[in-house]
Amino acid sequence: MSHEHIKQLITAAVAAVNPYTCTQRALSFDGNRLQVANNTFDLTNGNLYVIAIGKAAVPMAQAAVDLLGSKIGAGIAVTKQGQTSKVEHDSFTTHFAAHPVPDDSSVKAATAVFDLLTNLATSDHVVFLISGGASALCTYPLIELDEWQALSKALLASGCPIQAFNTVRKQLDEIKGGGLGVAAAPAKIVTLILSDVLGNPVDMIGSGPTVPNPQTAADALRILNKYGIENATAQQVLERLDSKPYQFKSPVAIIGDLSLAATAAQQKAADLGYDSQIIDLNLTGEAQKVGRDMAQLARNTKPNQCLILGGETTVTLQGDGVGGRNQELALAAAIPLSGAKHLLIATYATDGDDGPTPAAGAQVTGDTVRLAHQAGISAADALSKNDSYTFFSQLPDHHIITGQTGTNVNDLVFILNRKQVA
């Protein structure tokens, strides 16, 4: 039953941050005037353009299309390869690009976006719709693509937080750090964001393509040095780079985030009869350490309690296994949870993707390690190799597989104490 409860919690959380619903809720249109992010766009004159970039690009763009219809002169959606839906509008183009490491498709998408923003007038308006994954999906790097890919892979493997990763990307990419905002000038712009960065810093979500960049090239260099990233080309460019001094008006509104998803899950847990609490939505750090912390927290829960946490952990790769931060967190939790009765810990990536695997996360109990031992599998060995996906693939009812959800607001952790109150 508790596995079914986890499924219901996930369904409620994802539904609350449905990109289509969140976008339409943020827009109001009366035929000529568009109200968005506390701004009014008079669409009587000039053209309206819509540019959506990220894992939620298609449903966000479709929401705008269904509301604004023929008022949209042209639009582009850039989303992740593997998704199949396109924006249904005669003047819209949908691009499918690579994630988490960009490739030619990401550059092609960026080129299309820049082309659309060329030669806009002061009477024109651009609505940008940004969601998680935008940094990789749409890129126009200042260094050769193979060097850019190598740098991305090194940063991904380093265990650095997304803020550090994006600080580097913003300096070395024409799209990022306000690049699109500048390209759209002199048109009026506004940005709606489905946030996948803790605390909702608008300059970091999608690497801030439409807002001024407060970081500098020196900041990016310090990050490369701190995490031991050796990329001579990137370092040389940063050393001689004048940081982007972009200053422009860019109204922004956060239309969905982790808090919205967690609150919906909390309500669902209460509906299911749990004493439900949101504990922390700022989980960061190494997934293995956070996993151990989650196990200790679970052991201190009371009967019939559901604790909800969220955030975005990191994995510093030490082995050559296959996994993702959510599965690694769950595996790390399973070891100290071993033998505990009535306890379940589930981890979930709200975009439906956990690392380069088809799983979105995993759920573990006090029996997980014992079941693995019976199957001849060592949890500790799998953890040392960062091989969580392989580990859970060999155990029934442990993987959480939902497929791509079309949204992305970080990760959730659910802790259930299934013991009933006497």
Protein backbone atom coordinates (compact mmCIF):
# COMPACT_ATOMS: atom_id res chain seq x y z
CA MET A 1 0.00 0.00 0.00
CA SER A 2 2.80 2.45 0.83
CA HIS A 3 4.22 2.06 -2.70
CA GLU A 4 0.83 3.10 -4.03
CA HIS A 5 0.88 6.04 -1.64
CA ILE A 6 4.25 7.17 -3.01
CA LYS A 7 2.78 7.03 -6.52
CA GLN A 8 -0.11 9.23 -5.44
CA LEU A 9 2.21 11.73 -3.75
CA ILE A 10 4.31 11.98 -6.90
CA THR A 11 1.23 12.40 -9.10
CA ALA A 12 -0.06 15.23 -6.92
CA ALA A 13 3.31 16.98 -6.83
CA VAL A 14 3.81 16.84 -10.59
CA ALA A 15 0.24 17.95 -11.31
CA ALA A 16 0.72 21.05 -9.14
CA VAL A 17 3.60 22.23 -11.32
CA ASN A 18 1.98 21.34 -14.63
CA PRO A 19 3.65 23.80 -17.03
CA TYR A 20 0.54 24.39 -19.09
CA THR A 21 -1.60 25.22 -16.06
CA CYS A 22 1.07 27.36 -14.42
CA THR A 23 1.63 29.36 -17.61
CA GLN A 24 -2.03 30.02 -18.34
CA ARG A 25 -2.58 31.06 -14.74
CA ALA A 26 0.14 33.70 -15.18
CA LEU A 27 -1.36 35.21 -18.34
CA SER A 28 -4.45 37.36 -18.82
CA PHE A 29 -5.61 38.56 -22.24
CA ASP A 30 -8.61 40.67 -23.23
CA GLY A 31 -8.12 40.83 -26.98
CA ASN A 32 -5.54 43.62 -27.19
CA ARG A 33 -3.90 43.82 -23.78
CA LEU A 34 -1.78 41.07 -22.31
CA GLN A 35 -1.29 41.15 -18.55
CA VAL A 36 1.81 39.25 -17.49
CA ALA A 37 4.20 39.53 -14.53
CA ASN A 38 2.54 42.77 -13.34
CA ASN A 39 3.11 44.33 -16.76
CA THR A 40 0.70 45.25 -19.53
CA PHE A 41 1.56 44.64 -23.17
CA ASP A 42 -0.57 46.60 -25.63
CA LEU A 43 -0.68 44.32 -28.68
CA THR A 44 -2.56 46.76 -30.90
CA ASN A 45 0.65 47.60 -32.74
CA GLY A 46 3.81 45.62 -33.36
CA ASN A 47 4.37 41.88 -33.29
CA LEU A 48 4.27 39.37 -30.46
CA TYR A 49 6.87 36.60 -30.27
CA VAL A 50 7.05 33.66 -27.87
CA ILE A 51 10.28 31.79 -27.11
CA ALA A 52 10.15 28.78 -24.79
CA ILE A 53 13.32 26.96 -23.72
CA GLY A 54 13.61 24.02 -21.32
CA LYS A 55 12.20 20.63 -20.50
CA ALA A 56 8.76 22.21 -20.08
CA ALA A 57 9.01 24.36 -23.21
CA VAL A 58 6.27 22.69 -25.25
CA PRO A 59 3.43 22.77 -22.69
CA MET A 60 4.41 26.28 -21.60
CA ALA A 61 4.38 27.49 -25.20
CA GLN A 62 1.15 25.67 -25.95
CA ALA A 63 -0.52 27.43 -23.03
CA ALA A 64 0.49 30.79 -24.51
CA VAL A 65 -0.65 29.74 -27.97
CA ASP A 66 -4.05 28.54 -26.76
CA LEU A 67 -4.63 31.86 -25.02
CA LEU A 68 -3.14 34.28 -27.55
CA GLY A 69 -3.76 32.43 -30.81
CA SER A 70 -3.25 34.52 -33.94
CA LYS A 71 -1.73 37.39 -31.94
CA ILE A 72 1.53 35.41 -31.94
CA GLY A 73 3.53 36.35 -35.01
CA ALA A 74 6.14 33.61 -34.55
CA GLY A 75 7.56 31.37 -31.88
CA ILE A 76 10.20 28.79 -31.04
CA ALA A 77 10.16 26.00 -28.47
CA VAL A 78 13.39 24.22 -27.56
CA THR A 79 12.91 21.05 -25.54
CA LYS A 80 14.70 17.82 -24.71
CA GLN A 81 15.31 15.00 -27.13
CA GLY A 82 13.06 12.07 -26.30
CA GLN A 83 9.99 14.21 -26.00
CA THR A 84 7.61 13.93 -28.95
CA SER A 85 5.05 16.71 -28.58
CA LYS A 86 5.35 19.82 -30.73
CA VAL A 87 3.68 23.19 -30.29
CA GLU A 88 0.50 23.26 -32.32
CA HIS A 89 0.66 26.62 -34.10
CA ASP A 90 1.37 27.43 -37.74
CA SER A 91 4.03 30.00 -36.88
CA PHE A 92 5.80 27.92 -34.23
CA THR A 93 8.91 25.75 -34.66
CA THR A 94 9.81 23.06 -32.12
CA HIS A 95 13.44 22.02 -31.70
CA PHE A 96 14.56 18.88 -29.88
CA ALA A 97 18.02 19.28 -28.38
CA ALA A 98 20.54 17.41 -26.22
CA HIS A 99 20.65 17.32 -22.42
CA PRO A 100 22.61 17.33 -20.11
CA VAL A 101 25.58 17.66 -22.48
CA PRO A 102 24.81 19.96 -25.45
CA ASP A 103 25.54 19.00 -29.02
CA ASP A 104 24.96 20.34 -32.55
CA SER A 105 21.21 20.31 -31.98
CA SER A 106 21.63 22.72 -29.05
CA VAL A 107 23.64 25.13 -31.19
CA LYS A 108 21.14 24.86 -34.05
CA ALA A 109 18.32 25.75 -31.66
CA ALA A 110 20.26 28.76 -30.34
CA THR A 111 20.92 29.97 -33.87
CA ALA A 112 17.19 29.79 -34.66
CA VAL A 113 16.38 31.81 -31.54
CA PHE A 114 18.92 34.51 -32.38
CA ASP A 115 17.60 34.67 -35.96
CA LEU A 116 14.06 35.23 -34.70
CA LEU A 117 15.21 38.05 -32.39
CA THR A 118 17.06 39.90 -35.13
CA ASN A 119 15.77 43.36 -36.12
CA LEU A 120 12.86 43.64 -33.69
CA ALA A 121 11.19 47.02 -33.28
CA THR A 122 10.34 49.07 -30.21
CA SER A 123 6.65 48.24 -30.81
CA ASP A 124 7.35 44.48 -30.67
CA HIS A 125 6.95 42.25 -27.60
CA VAL A 126 8.68 38.99 -26.64
CA VAL A 127 7.41 36.56 -24.01
CA PHE A 128 10.17 34.21 -22.84
CA LEU A 129 9.18 30.95 -21.12
CA ILE A 130 12.13 29.37 -19.30
CA SER A 131 12.27 26.02 -17.50
CA GLY A 132 14.86 23.58 -16.22
CA GLY A 133 17.34 22.21 -18.73
CA ALA A 134 17.50 25.41 -20.76
CA SER A 135 21.24 25.81 -20.20
CA ALA A 136 22.15 22.66 -22.13
CA LEU A 137 19.28 22.66 -24.61
CA CYS A 138 20.06 26.04 -26.15
CA THR A 139 23.70 27.06 -26.35
CA TYR A 140 25.97 29.28 -28.44
CA PRO A 141 29.41 28.81 -26.88
CA LEU A 142 32.45 31.06 -27.25
CA ILE A 143 34.66 27.98 -27.52
CA GLU A 144 34.56 25.04 -29.93
CA LEU A 145 31.71 22.63 -29.33
CA ASP A 146 33.95 19.69 -28.44
CA GLU A 147 35.71 21.82 -25.81
CA TRP A 148 32.30 23.01 -24.55
CA GLN A 149 31.12 19.41 -24.24
CA ALA A 150 34.29 18.39 -22.40
CA LEU A 151 33.85 21.32 -20.00
CA SER A 152 30.20 20.41 -19.40
CA LYS A 153 31.07 16.79 -18.68
CA ALA A 154 33.84 17.78 -16.28
CA LEU A 155 31.58 20.15 -14.37
CA LEU A 156 28.82 17.52 -14.20
CA ALA A 157 31.26 14.98 -12.75
CA SER A 158 32.85 17.42 -10.32
CA GLY A 159 29.99 17.52 -7.83
CA CYS A 160 29.69 21.31 -8.10
CA PRO A 161 26.25 22.82 -7.42
CA ILE A 162 24.17 24.12 -10.30
CA GLN A 163 24.88 27.73 -9.32
CA ALA A 164 28.59 27.17 -9.84
CA PHE A 165 28.03 25.31 -13.11
CA ASN A 166 25.86 28.11 -14.46
CA THR A 167 28.29 30.82 -13.34
CA VAL A 168 30.81 29.29 -15.73
CA ARG A 169 28.30 28.74 -18.52
CA LYS A 170 27.04 32.32 -18.34
CA GLN A 171 30.48 33.69 -19.18
CA LEU A 172 31.20 31.37 -22.09
CA ASP A 173 27.87 31.34 -23.93
CA GLU A 174 26.23 34.11 -25.98
CA ILE A 175 22.73 32.96 -24.97
CA LYS A 176 23.29 33.04 -21.24
CA GLY A 177 23.77 35.79 -18.68
CA GLY A 178 21.34 38.14 -20.40
CA GLY A 179 22.33 37.35 -23.97
CA LEU A 180 18.78 36.84 -25.19
CA GLY A 181 17.55 39.94 -23.43
CA VAL A 182 20.11 42.02 -25.28
CA ALA A 183 19.37 40.29 -28.58
CA ALA A 184 15.67 41.13 -28.27
CA ALA A 185 16.28 44.88 -27.86
CA PRO A 186 14.64 47.28 -28.48
CA ALA A 187 11.49 45.12 -28.12
CA LYS A 188 9.76 44.91 -24.74
CA ILE A 189 10.34 41.58 -23.03
CA VAL A 190 8.96 39.58 -20.10
CA THR A 191 10.00 36.21 -18.71
CA LEU A 192 7.94 33.50 -17.01
CA ILE A 193 10.00 30.86 -15.21
CA LEU A 194 9.29 27.36 -13.98
CA SER A 195 12.12 27.16 -11.48
CA ASP A 196 14.52 24.25 -11.04
CA VAL A 197 17.06 26.13 -8.90
CA LEU A 198 16.67 26.30 -5.13
CA GLY A 199 15.73 29.74 -3.86
CA ASN A 200 14.57 30.82 -7.34
CA PRO A 201 17.54 33.07 -8.27
CA VAL A 202 16.33 34.31 -11.65
CA ASP A 203 19.84 34.90 -12.99
CA MET A 204 20.69 31.21 -12.44
CA ILE A 205 17.61 29.42 -13.80
CA GLY A 206 18.48 28.36 -17.33
CA SER A 207 21.67 30.41 -16.79
CA GLY A 208 19.62 33.60 -16.87
CA PRO A 209 19.28 34.20 -20.63
CA THR A 210 16.97 37.21 -20.21
CA VAL A 211 18.26 38.92 -17.05
CA PRO A 212 21.46 40.86 -16.29
CA ASN A 213 24.37 38.78 -15.03
CA PRO A 214 25.91 39.75 -11.67
CA GLN A 215 28.82 37.31 -12.00
CA THR A 216 32.13 37.95 -13.72
CA ALA A 217 34.73 36.02 -15.68
CA ALA A 218 36.88 36.04 -12.54
CA ASP A 219 34.07 34.25 -10.68
CA ALA A 220 34.01 31.57 -13.37
CA LEU A 221 37.77 31.10 -13.19
CA ARG A 222 37.62 30.66 -9.42
CA ILE A 223 35.05 27.89 -9.86
CA LEU A 224 37.20 26.04 -12.40
CA ASN A 225 40.13 26.22 -10.00
CA LYS A 226 38.07 25.21 -6.96
CA TYR A 227 36.76 22.04 -8.60
CA GLY A 228 39.96 21.16 -10.42
CA ILE A 229 38.49 21.60 -13.90
CA GLU A 230 41.33 21.60 -16.41
CA ASN A 231 40.21 23.10 -19.70
CA ALA A 232 42.94 25.28 -21.15
CA THR A 233 40.76 26.79 -23.86
CA ALA A 234 38.04 27.86 -21.45
CA GLN A 235 40.58 29.27 -19.01
CA GLN A 236 42.31 31.27 -21.75
CA VAL A 237 39.03 32.74 -22.95
CA LEU A 238 37.95 33.65 -19.42
CA GLU A 239 41.29 35.30 -18.65
CA ARG A 240 40.90 37.75 -21.52
CA LEU A 241 37.12 38.05 -21.45
CA ASP A 242 35.38 41.28 -20.58
CA SER A 243 32.42 40.29 -18.43
CA LYS A 244 29.03 41.05 -19.96
CA PRO A 245 27.94 44.46 -18.60
CA TYR A 246 24.33 43.99 -19.69
CA GLN A 247 21.81 46.30 -18.03
CA PHE A 248 18.23 46.29 -19.26
CA LYS A 249 14.66 46.09 -18.01
CA SER A 250 13.50 42.50 -17.76
CA PRO A 251 10.31 41.78 -15.79
CA VAL A 252 10.33 38.23 -14.42
CA ALA A 253 7.76 36.03 -12.66
CA ILE A 254 8.27 32.62 -11.06
CA ILE A 255 5.15 30.63 -11.98
CA GLY A 256 6.03 27.29 -10.38
CA ASP A 257 8.69 25.83 -8.12
CA LEU A 258 9.54 23.06 -5.67
CA SER A 259 7.46 24.61 -2.89
CA LEU A 260 4.32 24.39 -5.00
CA ALA A 261 4.96 20.70 -5.73
CA ALA A 262 5.79 19.85 -2.10
CA THR A 263 2.68 21.59 -0.79
CA ALA A 264 0.49 19.55 -3.13
CA ALA A 265 2.20 16.34 -1.99
CA GLN A 266 1.71 17.33 1.64
CA GLN A 267 -2.02 17.81 1.08
CA LYS A 268 -2.27 14.44 -0.67
CA ALA A 269 -0.45 12.75 2.22
CA ALA A 270 -2.89 14.32 4.64
CA ASP A 271 -5.78 13.08 2.51
CA LEU A 272 -4.28 9.58 2.76
CA GLY A 273 -4.36 9.83 6.54
CA TYR A 274 -0.72 10.69 7.31
CA ASP A 275 0.52 13.29 9.73
CA SER A 276 2.23 15.18 6.94
CA GLN A 277 4.98 17.81 7.24
CA ILE A 278 7.31 19.64 4.89
CA ILE A 279 10.69 19.61 6.66
CA ASP A 280 13.26 21.14 4.30
CA LEU A 281 13.18 22.22 0.64
CA ASN A 282 16.84 23.21 0.45
CA LEU A 283 18.64 19.87 0.48
CA THR A 284 22.08 20.20 -1.08
CA GLY A 285 25.43 18.46 -0.85
CA GLU A 286 26.66 15.00 -1.70
CA ALA A 287 23.82 12.56 -2.32
CA GLN A 288 25.49 9.85 -0.24
CA LYS A 289 25.70 12.04 2.85
CA VAL A 290 22.16 13.33 2.41
CA GLY A 291 20.97 9.75 2.04
CA ARG A 292 22.52 8.78 5.35
CA ASP A 293 20.91 11.82 6.95
CA MET A 294 17.52 10.79 5.54
CA ALA A 295 17.86 7.35 7.10
CA GLN A 296 18.54 8.88 10.52
CA LEU A 297 15.58 11.20 10.08
CA ALA A 298 13.38 8.26 9.14
CA ARG A 299 14.39 6.31 12.25
CA ASN A 300 13.20 9.26 14.36
CA THR A 301 9.76 9.49 12.79
CA LYS A 302 6.54 8.69 14.58
CA PRO A 303 3.93 6.14 13.49
CA ASN A 304 1.80 7.20 10.54
CA GLN A 305 4.03 10.16 9.75
CA CYS A 306 5.00 11.47 6.29
CA LEU A 307 7.94 13.84 5.99
CA ILE A 308 8.54 15.71 2.75
CA LEU A 309 11.87 17.20 1.77
CA GLY A 310 13.33 18.50 -1.45
CA GLY A 311 16.29 20.10 -3.12
CA GLU A 312 19.09 19.11 -5.45
CA THR A 313 22.02 17.02 -4.32
CA THR A 314 25.20 16.34 -6.25
CA VAL A 315 27.32 13.30 -7.02
CA THR A 316 31.10 13.42 -7.28
CA LEU A 317 31.86 10.49 -9.55
CA GLN A 318 34.35 7.99 -8.13
CA GLY A 319 33.31 4.85 -9.98
CA ASP A 320 32.22 3.86 -13.47
CA GLY A 321 28.69 2.76 -12.63
CA VAL A 322 25.34 4.01 -13.90
CA GLY A 323 22.97 6.05 -11.78
CA GLY A 324 21.68 9.46 -10.81
CA ARG A 325 21.61 11.63 -7.73
CA ASN A 326 18.18 10.43 -6.60
CA GLN A 327 19.00 6.75 -6.94
CA GLU A 328 22.36 7.31 -5.24
CA LEU A 329 20.63 9.09 -2.35
CA ALA A 330 18.18 6.21 -1.96
CA LEU A 331 20.95 3.60 -2.06
CA ALA A 332 22.97 5.52 0.52
CA ALA A 333 19.87 5.67 2.75
CA ALA A 334 19.15 1.94 2.40
CA ILE A 335 22.34 0.87 4.17
CA PRO A 336 21.78 2.63 7.55
CA LEU A 337 18.03 1.94 7.22
CA SER A 338 18.70 -1.79 7.13
CA GLY A 339 16.55 -3.76 9.56
CA ALA A 340 14.18 -0.91 10.37
CA LYS A 341 10.51 -1.84 10.32
CA HIS A 342 7.65 0.18 8.83
CA LEU A 343 9.96 2.78 7.21
CA LEU A 344 10.13 3.75 3.54
CA ILE A 345 12.23 6.43 1.84
CA ALA A 346 11.49 7.46 -1.75
CA THR A 347 13.43 9.90 -3.91
CA TYR A 348 12.10 11.41 -7.10
CA ALA A 349 13.30 13.75 -9.86
CA THR A 350 10.27 15.80 -10.87
CA ASP A 351 11.27 15.80 -14.54
CA GLY A 352 11.12 12.00 -14.60
CA ASP A 353 14.84 11.70 -15.42
CA ASP A 354 17.51 10.77 -12.90
CA GLY A 355 20.90 10.88 -14.54
CA PRO A 356 21.43 9.02 -17.83
CA THR A 357 18.87 6.36 -16.87
CA PRO A 358 15.19 5.66 -17.55
CA ALA A 359 14.45 5.83 -13.82
CA ALA A 360 13.24 8.93 -11.97
CA GLY A 361 14.36 7.72 -8.55
CA ALA A 362 14.00 4.83 -6.15
CA GLN A 363 12.29 3.71 -2.94
CA VAL A 364 13.96 1.74 -0.17
CA THR A 365 12.93 0.08 3.08
CA GLY A 366 14.61 -1.69 5.97
CA ASP A 367 14.47 -4.86 3.85
CA THR A 368 16.33 -3.50 0.80
CA VAL A 369 19.84 -4.47 1.85
CA ARG A 370 18.67 -7.93 2.99
CA LEU A 371 16.90 -8.58 -0.32
CA ALA A 372 20.01 -7.48 -2.20
CA HIS A 373 22.20 -9.78 -0.12
CA GLN A 374 19.91 -12.71 -0.89
CA ALA A 375 20.31 -11.90 -4.58
CA GLY A 376 24.09 -11.77 -4.24
CA ILE A 377 24.28 -8.00 -4.57
CA SER A 378 26.31 -5.70 -2.32
CA ALA A 379 24.76 -2.31 -1.60
CA ALA A 380 28.07 -0.92 -0.35
CA ASP A 381 29.91 -2.11 -3.45
CA ALA A 382 27.30 -0.56 -5.76
CA LEU A 383 27.49 2.72 -3.85
CA SER A 384 31.28 2.85 -4.12
CA LYS A 385 30.98 2.48 -7.89
CA ASN A 386 28.16 5.05 -8.26
CA ASP A 387 26.17 2.13 -9.69
CA SER A 388 22.77 2.73 -8.12
CA TYR A 389 20.76 2.14 -11.29
CA THR A 390 22.24 -1.33 -11.78
CA PHE A 391 21.65 -2.12 -8.12
CA PHE A 392 17.96 -1.22 -8.14
CA SER A 393 17.39 -2.85 -11.53
CA GLN A 394 18.01 -6.20 -9.86
CA LEU A 395 15.41 -5.68 -7.12
CA PRO A 396 11.65 -5.68 -7.74
CA ASP A 397 9.52 -2.73 -6.63
CA HIS A 398 12.44 -0.40 -5.98
CA HIS A 399 12.82 1.75 -9.07
CA ILE A 400 10.45 4.67 -9.65
CA ILE A 401 9.87 5.00 -13.39
CA THR A 402 7.40 7.58 -14.64
CA GLY A 403 8.85 8.69 -17.97
CA GLN A 404 9.52 12.33 -18.75
CA THR A 405 6.94 14.49 -17.01
CA GLY A 406 7.34 17.67 -19.07
CA THR A 407 8.08 19.70 -15.94
CA ASN A 408 11.13 20.20 -13.74
CA VAL A 409 11.29 21.68 -10.22
CA ASN A 410 14.18 19.83 -8.57
CA ASP A 411 13.86 16.64 -6.51
CA LEU A 412 11.58 15.37 -3.76
CA VAL A 413 12.22 13.00 -0.87
CA PHE A 414 9.36 11.24 0.91
CA ILE A 415 9.79 9.48 4.25
CA LEU A 416 6.90 7.29 5.39
CA ASN A 417 6.49 5.61 8.75
CA ARG A 418 3.90 2.98 7.89
CA LYS A 419 3.31 1.86 11.46
CA GLN A 420 -0.24 2.69 12.46
CA VAL A 421 -0.95 4.77 15.55
CA ALA A 422 -2.13 2.45 18.31
